[in-house]
C-alpha atoms as a PDB file:
ATOM      1  CA  MET A   1     116.563  69.387  85.328  1.00  0.00           C
ATOM      2  CA  PHE A   2     113.803  71.122  83.398  1.00  0.00           C
ATOM      3  CA  GLN A   3     113.360  71.198  79.641  1.00  0.00           C
ATOM      4  CA  ARG A   4     111.310  73.504  77.459  1.00  0.00           C
ATOM      5  CA  SER A   5     109.659  72.484  74.218  1.00  0.00           C
ATOM      6  CA  LYS A   6     106.944  73.919  71.989  1.00  0.00           C
ATOM      7  CA  GLN A   7     103.574  72.430  71.156  1.00  0.00           C
ATOM      8  CA  GLY A   8     102.211  74.832  68.601  1.00  0.00           C
ATOM      9  CA  ALA A   9     102.059  78.251  70.226  1.00  0.00           C
ATOM     10  CA  VAL A  10     102.340  76.801  73.737  1.00  0.00           C
ATOM     11  CA  ASP A  11     105.572  76.439  75.690  1.00  0.00           C
ATOM     12  CA  LEU A  12     105.729  73.160  77.605  1.00  0.00           C
ATOM     13  CA  ILE A  13     108.097  72.852  80.547  1.00  0.00           C
ATOM     14  CA  GLN A  14     108.777  69.423  82.012  1.00  0.00           C
ATOM     15  CA  GLY A  15     111.192  68.196  84.628  1.00  0.00           C
ATOM     16  CA  ALA A  16     111.829  65.837  87.499  1.00  0.00           C
ATOM     17  CA  ASP A  17     113.518  68.099  90.038  1.00  0.00           C
ATOM     18  CA  PRO A  18     111.721  69.391  93.110  1.00  0.00           C
ATOM     19  CA  LEU A  19     110.366  72.923  92.918  1.00  0.00           C
ATOM     20  CA  ASN A  20     112.458  74.094  95.831  1.00  0.00           C
ATOM     21  CA  VAL A  21     115.077  76.711  96.528  1.00  0.00           C
ATOM     22  CA  ASP A  22     117.867  74.445  95.234  1.00  0.00           C
ATOM     23  CA  HIS A  23     116.351  73.976  91.762  1.00  0.00           C
ATOM     24  CA  LEU A  24     114.403  77.142  90.991  1.00  0.00           C
ATOM     25  CA  ASP A  25     116.997  79.157  89.085  1.00  0.00           C
ATOM     26  CA  GLN A  26     116.803  77.073  85.926  1.00  0.00           C
ATOM     27  CA  LEU A  27     112.986  76.977  85.969  1.00  0.00           C
ATOM     28  CA  ALA A  28     112.742  80.704  86.707  1.00  0.00           C
ATOM     29  CA  GLY A  29     115.000  81.407  83.720  1.00  0.00           C
ATOM     30  CA  MET A  30     112.843  79.296  81.414  1.00  0.00           C
ATOM     31  CA  LEU A  31     109.666  80.973  82.615  1.00  0.00           C
ATOM     32  CA  ALA A  32     111.236  84.413  82.147  1.00  0.00           C
ATOM     33  CA  HIS A  33     112.245  83.451  78.602  1.00  0.00           C
ATOM     34  CA  CYS A  34     108.634  82.459  77.859  1.00  0.00           C
ATOM     35  CA  SER A  35     107.382  85.838  79.050  1.00  0.00           C
ATOM     36  CA  GLY A  36     109.718  87.697  76.716  1.00  0.00           C
ATOM     37  CA  HIS A  37     107.840  86.757  73.555  1.00  0.00           C
ATOM     38  CA  GLY A  38     104.440  88.460  73.574  1.00  0.00           C
ATOM     39  CA  GLN A  39     101.521  86.763  75.258  1.00  0.00           C
ATOM     40  CA  PRO A  40     102.934  83.859  77.304  1.00  0.00           C
ATOM     41  CA  ARG A  41     101.111  80.546  77.014  1.00  0.00           C
ATOM     42  CA  VAL A  42     102.892  78.039  79.191  1.00  0.00           C
ATOM     43  CA  VAL A  43     102.089  74.598  80.583  1.00  0.00           C
ATOM     44  CA  LEU A  44     104.185  73.350  83.479  1.00  0.00           C
ATOM     45  CA  ASP A  45     104.066  69.563  83.730  1.00  0.00           C
ATOM     46  CA  LEU A  46     104.400  68.503  87.373  1.00  0.00           C
ATOM     47  CA  GLU A  47     103.971  64.753  86.823  1.00  0.00           C
ATOM     48  CA  GLN A  48     107.605  63.912  87.673  1.00  0.00           C
ATOM     49  CA  VAL A  49     108.141  66.731  90.204  1.00  0.00           C
ATOM     50  CA  PRO A  50     108.571  65.105  93.627  1.00  0.00           C
ATOM     51  CA  LEU A  51     107.937  68.171  95.817  1.00  0.00           C
ATOM     52  CA  ILE A  52     106.975  71.839  95.841  1.00  0.00           C
ATOM     53  CA  ASP A  53     108.169  73.994  98.753  1.00  0.00           C
ATOM     54  CA  SER A  54     107.247  77.569  99.658  1.00  0.00           C
ATOM     55  CA  ALA A  55     109.874  79.022  97.295  1.00  0.00           C
ATOM     56  CA  GLY A  56     108.425  76.946  94.453  1.00  0.00           C
ATOM     57  CA  LEU A  57     104.891  78.055  95.267  1.00  0.00           C
ATOM     58  CA  GLU A  58     106.026  81.670  95.339  1.00  0.00           C
ATOM     59  CA  LEU A  59     107.672  81.302  91.916  1.00  0.00           C
ATOM     60  CA  LEU A  60     104.478  79.807  90.493  1.00  0.00           C
ATOM     61  CA  LEU A  61     102.327  82.627  91.892  1.00  0.00           C
ATOM     62  CA  ASP A  62     104.715  85.386  90.792  1.00  0.00           C
ATOM     63  CA  THR A  63     104.937  83.895  87.310  1.00  0.00           C
ATOM     64  CA  GLN A  64     101.168  83.561  86.989  1.00  0.00           C
ATOM     65  CA  GLU A  65     100.718  87.199  88.010  1.00  0.00           C
ATOM     66  CA  ALA A  66     103.335  88.370  85.496  1.00  0.00           C
ATOM     67  CA  PHE A  67     101.868  86.252  82.687  1.00  0.00           C
ATOM     68  CA  GLN A  68      98.348  87.517  83.383  1.00  0.00           C
ATOM     69  CA  ARG A  69      99.565  91.122  83.183  1.00  0.00           C
ATOM     70  CA  GLN A  70     100.768  90.263  79.671  1.00  0.00           C
ATOM     71  CA  GLY A  71      97.434  88.647  78.751  1.00  0.00           C
ATOM     72  CA  GLY A  72      98.789  85.112  79.046  1.00  0.00           C
ATOM     73  CA  ALA A  73      98.615  82.250  81.499  1.00  0.00           C
ATOM     74  CA  LEU A  74     100.587  79.546  83.247  1.00  0.00           C
ATOM     75  CA  LYS A  75      98.589  76.319  83.366  1.00  0.00           C
ATOM     76  CA  LEU A  76      99.557  73.246  85.340  1.00  0.00           C
ATOM     77  CA  ALA A  77      99.418  69.583  84.363  1.00  0.00           C
ATOM     78  CA  VAL A  78      99.281  67.786  87.705  1.00  0.00           C
ATOM     79  CA  ASN A  79      99.008  64.018  87.666  1.00  0.00           C
ATOM     80  CA  ASN A  80     101.002  63.691  90.867  1.00  0.00           C
ATOM     81  CA  ALA A  81      99.243  63.105  94.178  1.00  0.00           C
ATOM     82  CA  LEU A  82     101.718  64.964  96.400  1.00  0.00           C
ATOM     83  CA  CYS A  83     101.949  68.069  94.207  1.00  0.00           C
ATOM     84  CA  LYS A  84      98.170  68.105  93.833  1.00  0.00           C
ATOM     85  CA  GLU A  85      97.783  67.923  97.617  1.00  0.00           C
ATOM     86  CA  ILE A  86     100.332  70.706  98.193  1.00  0.00           C
ATOM     87  CA  LEU A  87      98.504  72.977  95.744  1.00  0.00           C
ATOM     88  CA  LEU A  88      95.158  72.157  97.381  1.00  0.00           C
ATOM     89  CA  VAL A  89      96.200  72.494 101.030  1.00  0.00           C
ATOM     90  CA  THR A  90      98.062  75.765 100.494  1.00  0.00           C
ATOM     91  CA  GLY A  91      95.269  77.260  98.390  1.00  0.00           C
ATOM     92  CA  VAL A  92      97.756  78.083  95.645  1.00  0.00           C
ATOM     93  CA  GLY A  93      95.940  75.771  93.245  1.00  0.00           C
ATOM     94  CA  ARG A  94      92.992  78.183  93.146  1.00  0.00           C
ATOM     95  CA  GLN A  95      95.169  80.614  91.190  1.00  0.00           C
ATOM     96  CA  PHE A  96      95.747  78.174  88.329  1.00  0.00           C
ATOM     97  CA  GLU A  97      93.906  76.213  85.718  1.00  0.00           C
ATOM     98  CA  ILE A  98      94.891  72.648  86.589  1.00  0.00           C
ATOM     99  CA  HIS A  99      94.665  69.691  84.204  1.00  0.00           C
ATOM    100  CA  LEU A 100      95.368  66.004  84.730  1.00  0.00           C
ATOM    101  CA  ASP A 101      97.606  65.699  81.669  1.00  0.00           C
ATOM    102  CA  VAL A 102      99.719  67.753  79.315  1.00  0.00           C
ATOM    103  CA  ASN A 103      97.484  67.258  76.272  1.00  0.00           C
ATOM    104  CA  SER A 104      94.393  68.700  77.944  1.00  0.00           C
ATOM    105  CA  ALA A 105      96.407  71.592  79.400  1.00  0.00           C
ATOM    106  CA  VAL A 106      97.924  72.490  76.026  1.00  0.00           C
ATOM    107  CA  GLY A 107      94.572  72.030  74.282  1.00  0.00           C
ATOM    108  CA  SER A 108      92.843  74.350  76.742  1.00  0.00           C
ATOM    109  CA  PHE A 109      94.636  77.321  75.195  1.00  0.00           C
ATOM    110  CA  VAL A 110      92.609  76.937  71.985  1.00  0.00           C
ATOM    111  CA  GLN A 111      89.193  76.612  73.623  1.00  0.00           C
END
């Protein structure tokens, strides 16, 4: 299950479910909600996410593209070896600003 909270002007989404076809509806809804309020500034915390499959990668890429069209960004906090490796091996990680922790990811929006 994923949860959304605010840290200043940044939406923070955290969860412990895999980013796969079985769990994407809830996350996709949260991301869509974030894009409905002006310039989206979102950090997705992947620390507790056990796996990202191709459907999850596609959601991340589609969301990043949509946010960038609105002048915003989706940034990732990835302190999880498997998720980091998946993003690296697939090349998807090149499309994102990746941070080791939530605080640096949220703080990067004000730099």
